[in-house]
Amino acid sequence: LNMNITAISNINWVAGTSLMDDGSVSAWNWRIPILPADTFTPNEINAADEGEVVQVTDMTDNAGSADGAPLTVGMVGPFVNDGFGNPTYFFPRPFVAIGTAVVNPLLLDGDNIGEVYGVNTAFTLVGRSGRFQLVNGVGTYEWKTVLWFPILPIEPFWVPFEIDPYMPPNSGIQLQNGLDINDLGQVVGTYTKAGVLRGIRLSPVITPVALALDPETIPG
């Protein structure tokens, strides 16, 4: 049993993956013991089906479930064979673990793959939604950078919002991925311009809206 910790929260939780004796990979989160006498065992996140690979990328800095655990996010999926029968192409779907319950955020229309890389304390996710195609044994990926906004708490799910159309026109910027998001809603990620890969920080802009009210329709 080998453990790999890939995310940590400010509320004394960590998350990661474990390579099991049978060769499978499972996702876990667990609270770090504060005192030597504390005994907190890892909680398995049942995100992966048999034969799938799971990756944990981030967790919130606040509690997101009844047991006090933060939300844990990442992606999970199988590897798809190429034209020679080799498991070459990762076919991921995004996941959010609320405690040990797993929710798969929605993808953009027409997409069939997705990856979540970051989450903030408002439970907003950032990553990418895309489409994978396998033609004559050769796989291709087409990605769009997205935010996922939560619809909580009755039946939790996340709705995607594409960021790419809001880049400055004629800027030559092609977003590649959103990798993290802070509590101000700022996103860091990568983009290409003139064939060069670069880093980027995106900040939300609040646009004033003019409201016209008819006094005759306001009670009182």
C-alpha atoms as a PDB file:
ATOM      1  CA  LEU A   1       0.000   0.000   0.000  1.00  0.00           C
ATOM      2  CA  ASN A   2       1.663   3.244  -1.196  1.00  0.00           C
ATOM      3  CA  MET A   3       0.154   6.655  -0.408  1.00  0.00           C
ATOM      4  CA  ASN A   4       0.586   9.862  -2.389  1.00  0.00           C
ATOM      5  CA  ILE A   5      -0.668  13.119  -0.820  1.00  0.00           C
ATOM      6  CA  THR A   6      -1.483  15.771  -3.440  1.00  0.00           C
ATOM      7  CA  ALA A   7      -3.765  18.276  -1.638  1.00  0.00           C
ATOM      8  CA  ILE A   8      -3.914  19.937   1.776  1.00  0.00           C
ATOM      9  CA  SER A   9      -6.531  22.112   3.485  1.00  0.00           C
ATOM     10  CA  ASN A  10      -6.184  24.876   6.071  1.00  0.00           C
ATOM     11  CA  ILE A  11      -8.553  22.949   8.358  1.00  0.00           C
ATOM     12  CA  ASN A  12      -6.091  20.119   8.969  1.00  0.00           C
ATOM     13  CA  TRP A  13      -7.158  17.697   6.242  1.00  0.00           C
ATOM     14  CA  VAL A  14      -5.151  16.162   3.429  1.00  0.00           C
ATOM     15  CA  ALA A  15      -6.108  14.112   0.371  1.00  0.00           C
ATOM     16  CA  GLY A  16      -4.416  11.974  -2.205  1.00  0.00           C
ATOM     17  CA  THR A  17      -4.290   8.541  -3.757  1.00  0.00           C
ATOM     18  CA  SER A  18      -3.144   5.089  -2.714  1.00  0.00           C
ATOM     19  CA  LEU A  19      -1.754   2.268  -4.786  1.00  0.00           C
ATOM     20  CA  MET A  20      -3.437  -0.857  -3.462  1.00  0.00           C
ATOM     21  CA  ASP A  21      -2.006  -4.366  -3.236  1.00  0.00           C
ATOM     22  CA  ASP A  22      -4.095  -5.462  -6.229  1.00  0.00           C
ATOM     23  CA  GLY A  23      -2.614  -2.705  -8.411  1.00  0.00           C
ATOM     24  CA  SER A  24      -5.684  -0.443  -8.335  1.00  0.00           C
ATOM     25  CA  VAL A  25      -5.552   3.249  -7.347  1.00  0.00           C
ATOM     26  CA  SER A  26      -8.016   4.726  -4.839  1.00  0.00           C
ATOM     27  CA  ALA A  27      -8.626   8.307  -3.695  1.00  0.00           C
ATOM     28  CA  TRP A  28      -8.678   9.155   0.018  1.00  0.00           C
ATOM     29  CA  ASN A  29      -9.035  12.077   2.374  1.00  0.00           C
ATOM     30  CA  TRP A  30      -8.237  12.145   6.052  1.00  0.00           C
ATOM     31  CA  ARG A  31      -7.890  14.496   8.977  1.00  0.00           C
ATOM     32  CA  ILE A  32      -4.373  14.951  10.311  1.00  0.00           C
ATOM     33  CA  PRO A  33      -4.084  13.837  13.970  1.00  0.00           C
ATOM     34  CA  ILE A  34      -3.477  16.824  16.253  1.00  0.00           C
ATOM     35  CA  LEU A  35      -2.298  14.841  19.263  1.00  0.00           C
ATOM     36  CA  PRO A  36      -0.384  11.562  19.337  1.00  0.00           C
ATOM     37  CA  ALA A  37      -3.421   9.903  20.924  1.00  0.00           C
ATOM     38  CA  ASP A  38      -5.697  10.954  18.031  1.00  0.00           C
ATOM     39  CA  THR A  39      -6.548   8.216  15.581  1.00  0.00           C
ATOM     40  CA  PHE A  40      -8.068   9.401  12.302  1.00  0.00           C
ATOM     41  CA  THR A  41      -8.182   6.778   9.600  1.00  0.00           C
ATOM     42  CA  PRO A  42      -8.295   7.701   5.912  1.00  0.00           C
ATOM     43  CA  ASN A  43     -11.726   7.871   4.253  1.00  0.00           C
ATOM     44  CA  GLU A  44     -11.886   6.181   0.868  1.00  0.00           C
ATOM     45  CA  ILE A  45     -13.494   8.229  -1.906  1.00  0.00           C
ATOM     46  CA  ASN A  46     -15.168   5.773  -4.240  1.00  0.00           C
ATOM     47  CA  ALA A  47     -14.639   7.853  -7.376  1.00  0.00           C
ATOM     48  CA  ALA A  48     -13.113   5.196  -9.620  1.00  0.00           C
ATOM     49  CA  ASP A  49     -14.670   2.153 -11.223  1.00  0.00           C
ATOM     50  CA  GLU A  50     -12.654  -0.975 -11.872  1.00  0.00           C
ATOM     51  CA  GLY A  51      -9.781  -0.333 -14.254  1.00  0.00           C
ATOM     52  CA  GLU A  52      -9.918   3.454 -13.876  1.00  0.00           C
ATOM     53  CA  VAL A  53      -7.237   5.868 -12.696  1.00  0.00           C
ATOM     54  CA  VAL A  54      -8.024   8.645 -10.223  1.00  0.00           C
ATOM     55  CA  GLN A  55      -6.130  11.892  -9.578  1.00  0.00           C
ATOM     56  CA  VAL A  56      -6.739  14.235  -6.617  1.00  0.00           C
ATOM     57  CA  THR A  57      -5.844  17.859  -7.383  1.00  0.00           C
ATOM     58  CA  ASP A  58      -7.208  20.161  -4.656  1.00  0.00           C
ATOM     59  CA  MET A  59      -9.464  20.559  -1.629  1.00  0.00           C
ATOM     60  CA  THR A  60     -11.299  23.454   0.011  1.00  0.00           C
ATOM     61  CA  ASP A  61     -10.084  25.390   3.045  1.00  0.00           C
ATOM     62  CA  ASN A  62     -13.496  25.087   4.678  1.00  0.00           C
ATOM     63  CA  ALA A  63     -15.818  22.261   5.597  1.00  0.00           C
ATOM     64  CA  GLY A  64     -18.067  20.990   2.831  1.00  0.00           C
ATOM     65  CA  SER A  65     -19.704  17.946   4.376  1.00  0.00           C
ATOM     66  CA  ALA A  66     -21.495  16.933   7.540  1.00  0.00           C
ATOM     67  CA  ASP A  67     -18.410  15.252   9.009  1.00  0.00           C
ATOM     68  CA  GLY A  68     -16.404  18.478   8.712  1.00  0.00           C
ATOM     69  CA  ALA A  69     -14.354  17.304   5.745  1.00  0.00           C
ATOM     70  CA  PRO A  70     -13.458  19.786   2.997  1.00  0.00           C
ATOM     71  CA  LEU A  71     -14.538  19.149  -0.571  1.00  0.00           C
ATOM     72  CA  THR A  72     -11.979  17.097  -2.491  1.00  0.00           C
ATOM     73  CA  VAL A  73     -11.731  17.468  -6.272  1.00  0.00           C
ATOM     74  CA  GLY A  74      -9.943  15.835  -9.166  1.00  0.00           C
ATOM     75  CA  MET A  75     -10.545  13.656 -12.184  1.00  0.00           C
ATOM     76  CA  VAL A  76     -11.034   9.966 -12.826  1.00  0.00           C
ATOM     77  CA  GLY A  77     -11.348   7.735 -15.849  1.00  0.00           C
ATOM     78  CA  PRO A  78      -9.941   4.885 -17.913  1.00  0.00           C
ATOM     79  CA  PHE A  79      -7.130   4.833 -20.428  1.00  0.00           C
ATOM     80  CA  VAL A  80      -8.329   4.271 -24.001  1.00  0.00           C
ATOM     81  CA  ASN A  81      -6.374   1.975 -26.309  1.00  0.00           C
ATOM     82  CA  ASP A  82      -4.663   3.334 -29.381  1.00  0.00           C
ATOM     83  CA  GLY A  83      -4.598   1.590 -32.767  1.00  0.00           C
ATOM     84  CA  PHE A  84      -2.110  -0.970 -31.445  1.00  0.00           C
ATOM     85  CA  GLY A  85      -4.110  -1.948 -28.365  1.00  0.00           C
ATOM     86  CA  ASN A  86      -1.982   0.115 -25.970  1.00  0.00           C
ATOM     87  CA  PRO A  87      -3.782   2.041 -23.173  1.00  0.00           C
ATOM     88  CA  THR A  88      -2.470   5.426 -24.301  1.00  0.00           C
ATOM     89  CA  TYR A  89      -5.180   8.086 -23.981  1.00  0.00           C
ATOM     90  CA  PHE A  90      -6.634   9.243 -20.651  1.00  0.00           C
ATOM     91  CA  PHE A  91     -10.428   9.667 -20.807  1.00  0.00           C
ATOM     92  CA  PRO A  92     -11.143  11.742 -17.666  1.00  0.00           C
ATOM     93  CA  ARG A  93     -14.315  12.972 -16.029  1.00  0.00           C
ATOM     94  CA  PRO A  94     -14.282  15.567 -13.216  1.00  0.00           C
ATOM     95  CA  PHE A  95     -15.379  14.680  -9.700  1.00  0.00           C
ATOM     96  CA  VAL A  96     -16.161  16.421  -6.422  1.00  0.00           C
ATOM     97  CA  ALA A  97     -16.145  14.398  -3.201  1.00  0.00           C
ATOM     98  CA  ILE A  98     -18.499  15.697  -0.509  1.00  0.00           C
ATOM     99  CA  GLY A  99     -17.199  13.630   2.366  1.00  0.00           C
ATOM    100  CA  THR A 100     -17.051  10.273   0.629  1.00  0.00           C
ATOM    101  CA  ALA A 101     -20.042  10.897  -1.677  1.00  0.00           C
ATOM    102  CA  VAL A 102     -18.968  11.613  -5.254  1.00  0.00           C
ATOM    103  CA  VAL A 103     -20.610  14.077  -7.666  1.00  0.00           C
ATOM    104  CA  ASN A 104     -19.575  14.475 -11.307  1.00  0.00           C
ATOM    105  CA  PRO A 105     -19.870  18.133 -12.473  1.00  0.00           C
ATOM    106  CA  LEU A 106     -21.655  18.704 -15.763  1.00  0.00           C
ATOM    107  CA  LEU A 107     -19.656  19.237 -18.954  1.00  0.00           C
ATOM    108  CA  LEU A 108     -20.204  21.799 -21.699  1.00  0.00           C
ATOM    109  CA  ASP A 109     -22.681  20.729 -24.376  1.00  0.00           C
ATOM    110  CA  GLY A 110     -21.174  18.192 -26.746  1.00  0.00           C
ATOM    111  CA  ASP A 111     -18.147  17.476 -24.542  1.00  0.00           C
ATOM    112  CA  ASN A 112     -17.253  14.033 -23.210  1.00  0.00           C
ATOM    113  CA  ILE A 113     -14.229  14.669 -20.943  1.00  0.00           C
ATOM    114  CA  GLY A 114     -13.336  17.073 -18.153  1.00  0.00           C
ATOM    115  CA  GLU A 115     -10.698  17.847 -15.530  1.00  0.00           C
ATOM    116  CA  VAL A 116     -10.968  19.846 -12.282  1.00  0.00           C
ATOM    117  CA  TYR A 117      -7.778  21.381 -10.900  1.00  0.00           C
ATOM    118  CA  GLY A 118      -8.869  23.948  -8.311  1.00  0.00           C
ATOM    119  CA  VAL A 119     -11.653  24.829  -5.873  1.00  0.00           C
ATOM    120  CA  ASN A 120     -12.226  27.776  -3.514  1.00  0.00           C
ATOM    121  CA  THR A 121     -14.256  28.235  -0.333  1.00  0.00           C
ATOM    122  CA  ALA A 122     -17.326  29.284  -2.373  1.00  0.00           C
ATOM    123  CA  PHE A 123     -17.102  25.770  -3.906  1.00  0.00           C
ATOM    124  CA  THR A 124     -16.416  27.242  -7.359  1.00  0.00           C
ATOM    125  CA  LEU A 125     -14.322  24.882  -9.482  1.00  0.00           C
ATOM    126  CA  VAL A 126     -11.851  25.612 -12.260  1.00  0.00           C
ATOM    127  CA  GLY A 127     -10.444  23.330 -14.911  1.00  0.00           C
ATOM    128  CA  ARG A 128     -11.355  22.376 -18.433  1.00  0.00           C
ATOM    129  CA  SER A 129     -14.099  20.647 -20.387  1.00  0.00           C
ATOM    130  CA  GLY A 130     -13.394  19.077 -23.722  1.00  0.00           C
ATOM    131  CA  ARG A 131     -13.927  16.496 -26.388  1.00  0.00           C
ATOM    132  CA  PHE A 132     -11.839  13.409 -27.079  1.00  0.00           C
ATOM    133  CA  GLN A 133     -11.996  11.663 -30.438  1.00  0.00           C
ATOM    134  CA  LEU A 134     -10.288   8.475 -31.554  1.00  0.00           C
ATOM    135  CA  VAL A 135      -9.921   8.144 -35.333  1.00  0.00           C
ATOM    136  CA  ASN A 136      -7.951   5.281 -36.889  1.00  0.00           C
ATOM    137  CA  GLY A 137      -6.264   4.635 -33.563  1.00  0.00           C
ATOM    138  CA  VAL A 138      -5.121   8.254 -33.096  1.00  0.00           C
ATOM    139  CA  GLY A 139      -6.650  10.288 -30.279  1.00  0.00           C
ATOM    140  CA  THR A 140      -7.134  14.056 -30.252  1.00  0.00           C
ATOM    141  CA  TYR A 141      -8.199  16.413 -27.470  1.00  0.00           C
ATOM    142  CA  GLU A 142     -10.029  19.727 -27.806  1.00  0.00           C
ATOM    143  CA  TRP A 143     -10.246  21.667 -24.545  1.00  0.00           C
ATOM    144  CA  LYS A 144     -12.089  24.735 -23.239  1.00  0.00           C
ATOM    145  CA  THR A 145     -11.222  26.438 -19.945  1.00  0.00           C
ATOM    146  CA  VAL A 146     -14.213  26.551 -17.606  1.00  0.00           C
ATOM    147  CA  LEU A 147     -15.486  27.560 -14.203  1.00  0.00           C
ATOM    148  CA  TRP A 148     -18.074  25.364 -12.513  1.00  0.00           C
ATOM    149  CA  PHE A 149     -20.589  27.098 -10.260  1.00  0.00           C
ATOM    150  CA  PRO A 150     -22.333  25.052  -7.540  1.00  0.00           C
ATOM    151  CA  ILE A 151     -26.067  24.544  -7.220  1.00  0.00           C
ATOM    152  CA  LEU A 152     -26.437  23.665  -3.547  1.00  0.00           C
ATOM    153  CA  PRO A 153     -27.516  22.240  -1.188  1.00  0.00           C
ATOM    154  CA  ILE A 154     -30.641  20.211  -2.041  1.00  0.00           C
ATOM    155  CA  GLU A 155     -29.137  18.188  -4.880  1.00  0.00           C
ATOM    156  CA  PRO A 156     -25.529  19.272  -5.309  1.00  0.00           C
ATOM    157  CA  PHE A 157     -24.210  19.600  -8.822  1.00  0.00           C
ATOM    158  CA  TRP A 158     -21.973  22.005 -10.723  1.00  0.00           C
ATOM    159  CA  VAL A 159     -22.779  23.904 -13.913  1.00  0.00           C
ATOM    160  CA  PRO A 160     -19.930  24.784 -16.338  1.00  0.00           C
ATOM    161  CA  PHE A 161     -19.230  28.287 -17.663  1.00  0.00           C
ATOM    162  CA  GLU A 162     -16.747  28.709 -20.512  1.00  0.00           C
ATOM    163  CA  ILE A 163     -14.104  31.419 -19.987  1.00  0.00           C
ATOM    164  CA  ASP A 164     -12.533  31.481 -23.471  1.00  0.00           C
ATOM    165  CA  PRO A 165     -15.110  33.820 -25.127  1.00  0.00           C
ATOM    166  CA  TYR A 166     -14.256  36.539 -22.573  1.00  0.00           C
ATOM    167  CA  MET A 167     -10.626  36.899 -23.580  1.00  0.00           C
ATOM    168  CA  PRO A 168      -9.775  40.272 -25.211  1.00  0.00           C
ATOM    169  CA  PRO A 169     -10.670  40.192 -28.917  1.00  0.00           C
ATOM    170  CA  ASN A 170      -7.754  39.912 -31.350  1.00  0.00           C
ATOM    171  CA  SER A 171      -5.382  39.295 -28.434  1.00  0.00           C
ATOM    172  CA  GLY A 172      -4.099  36.028 -29.844  1.00  0.00           C
ATOM    173  CA  ILE A 173      -4.608  34.397 -26.432  1.00  0.00           C
ATOM    174  CA  GLN A 174      -5.688  30.752 -26.504  1.00  0.00           C
ATOM    175  CA  LEU A 175      -6.408  29.449 -23.023  1.00  0.00           C
ATOM    176  CA  GLN A 176      -5.109  25.965 -22.327  1.00  0.00           C
ATOM    177  CA  ASN A 177      -6.248  25.303 -18.781  1.00  0.00           C
ATOM    178  CA  GLY A 178      -7.409  26.778 -15.469  1.00  0.00           C
ATOM    179  CA  LEU A 179      -5.245  25.415 -12.685  1.00  0.00           C
ATOM    180  CA  ASP A 180      -6.409  27.102  -9.486  1.00  0.00           C
ATOM    181  CA  ILE A 181      -8.870  29.658  -8.103  1.00  0.00           C
ATOM    182  CA  ASN A 182      -8.728  31.773  -4.938  1.00  0.00           C
ATOM    183  CA  ASP A 183     -11.479  33.237  -2.779  1.00  0.00           C
ATOM    184  CA  LEU A 184     -11.453  36.486  -4.807  1.00  0.00           C
ATOM    185  CA  GLY A 185     -12.443  34.475  -7.882  1.00  0.00           C
ATOM    186  CA  GLN A 186      -9.040  34.994  -9.496  1.00  0.00           C
ATOM    187  CA  VAL A 187      -7.921  32.143 -11.725  1.00  0.00           C
ATOM    188  CA  VAL A 188      -4.396  31.116 -12.675  1.00  0.00           C
ATOM    189  CA  GLY A 189      -3.695  28.910 -15.649  1.00  0.00           C
ATOM    190  CA  THR A 190      -1.849  28.605 -18.921  1.00  0.00           C
ATOM    191  CA  TYR A 191      -2.332  29.999 -22.415  1.00  0.00           C
ATOM    192  CA  THR A 192      -0.549  30.005 -25.737  1.00  0.00           C
ATOM    193  CA  LYS A 193       0.213  33.021 -27.894  1.00  0.00           C
ATOM    194  CA  ALA A 194       2.145  32.795 -31.142  1.00  0.00           C
ATOM    195  CA  GLY A 195       2.922  29.187 -30.282  1.00  0.00           C
ATOM    196  CA  VAL A 196       4.499  30.005 -26.892  1.00  0.00           C
ATOM    197  CA  LEU A 197       3.094  28.534 -23.655  1.00  0.00           C
ATOM    198  CA  ARG A 198       2.739  31.099 -20.879  1.00  0.00           C
ATOM    199  CA  GLY A 199       1.142  31.589 -17.477  1.00  0.00           C
ATOM    200  CA  ILE A 200      -1.855  33.844 -16.874  1.00  0.00           C
ATOM    201  CA  ARG A 201      -3.915  35.293 -14.033  1.00  0.00           C
ATOM    202  CA  LEU A 202      -7.536  36.174 -14.712  1.00  0.00           C
ATOM    203  CA  SER A 203      -9.509  38.476 -12.400  1.00  0.00           C
ATOM    204  CA  PRO A 204     -13.304  38.852 -12.409  1.00  0.00           C
ATOM    205  CA  VAL A 205     -14.667  42.226 -13.518  1.00  0.00           C
ATOM    206  CA  ILE A 206     -17.834  43.619 -11.943  1.00  0.00           C
ATOM    207  CA  THR A 207     -19.814  45.544 -14.548  1.00  0.00           C
ATOM    208  CA  PRO A 208     -22.353  48.123 -13.302  1.00  0.00           C
ATOM    209  CA  VAL A 209     -25.882  47.507 -14.546  1.00  0.00           C
ATOM    210  CA  ALA A 210     -28.377  50.317 -15.041  1.00  0.00           C
ATOM    211  CA  LEU A 211     -31.816  49.459 -13.626  1.00  0.00           C
ATOM    212  CA  ALA A 212     -35.019  51.230 -14.669  1.00  0.00           C
ATOM    213  CA  LEU A 213     -37.840  50.924 -12.118  1.00  0.00           C
ATOM    214  CA  ASP A 214     -41.468  51.856 -12.662  1.00  0.00           C
ATOM    215  CA  PRO A 215     -42.763  53.440  -9.408  1.00  0.00           C
ATOM    216  CA  GLU A 216     -46.316  52.446 -10.297  1.00  0.00           C
ATOM    217  CA  THR A 217     -45.459  48.738  -9.966  1.00  0.00           C
ATOM    218  CA  ILE A 218     -43.714  48.924  -6.564  1.00  0.00           C
ATOM    219  CA  PRO A 219     -46.058  48.226  -3.601  1.00  0.00           C
ATOM    220  CA  GLY A 220     -46.128  51.046  -1.062  1.00  0.00           C
END
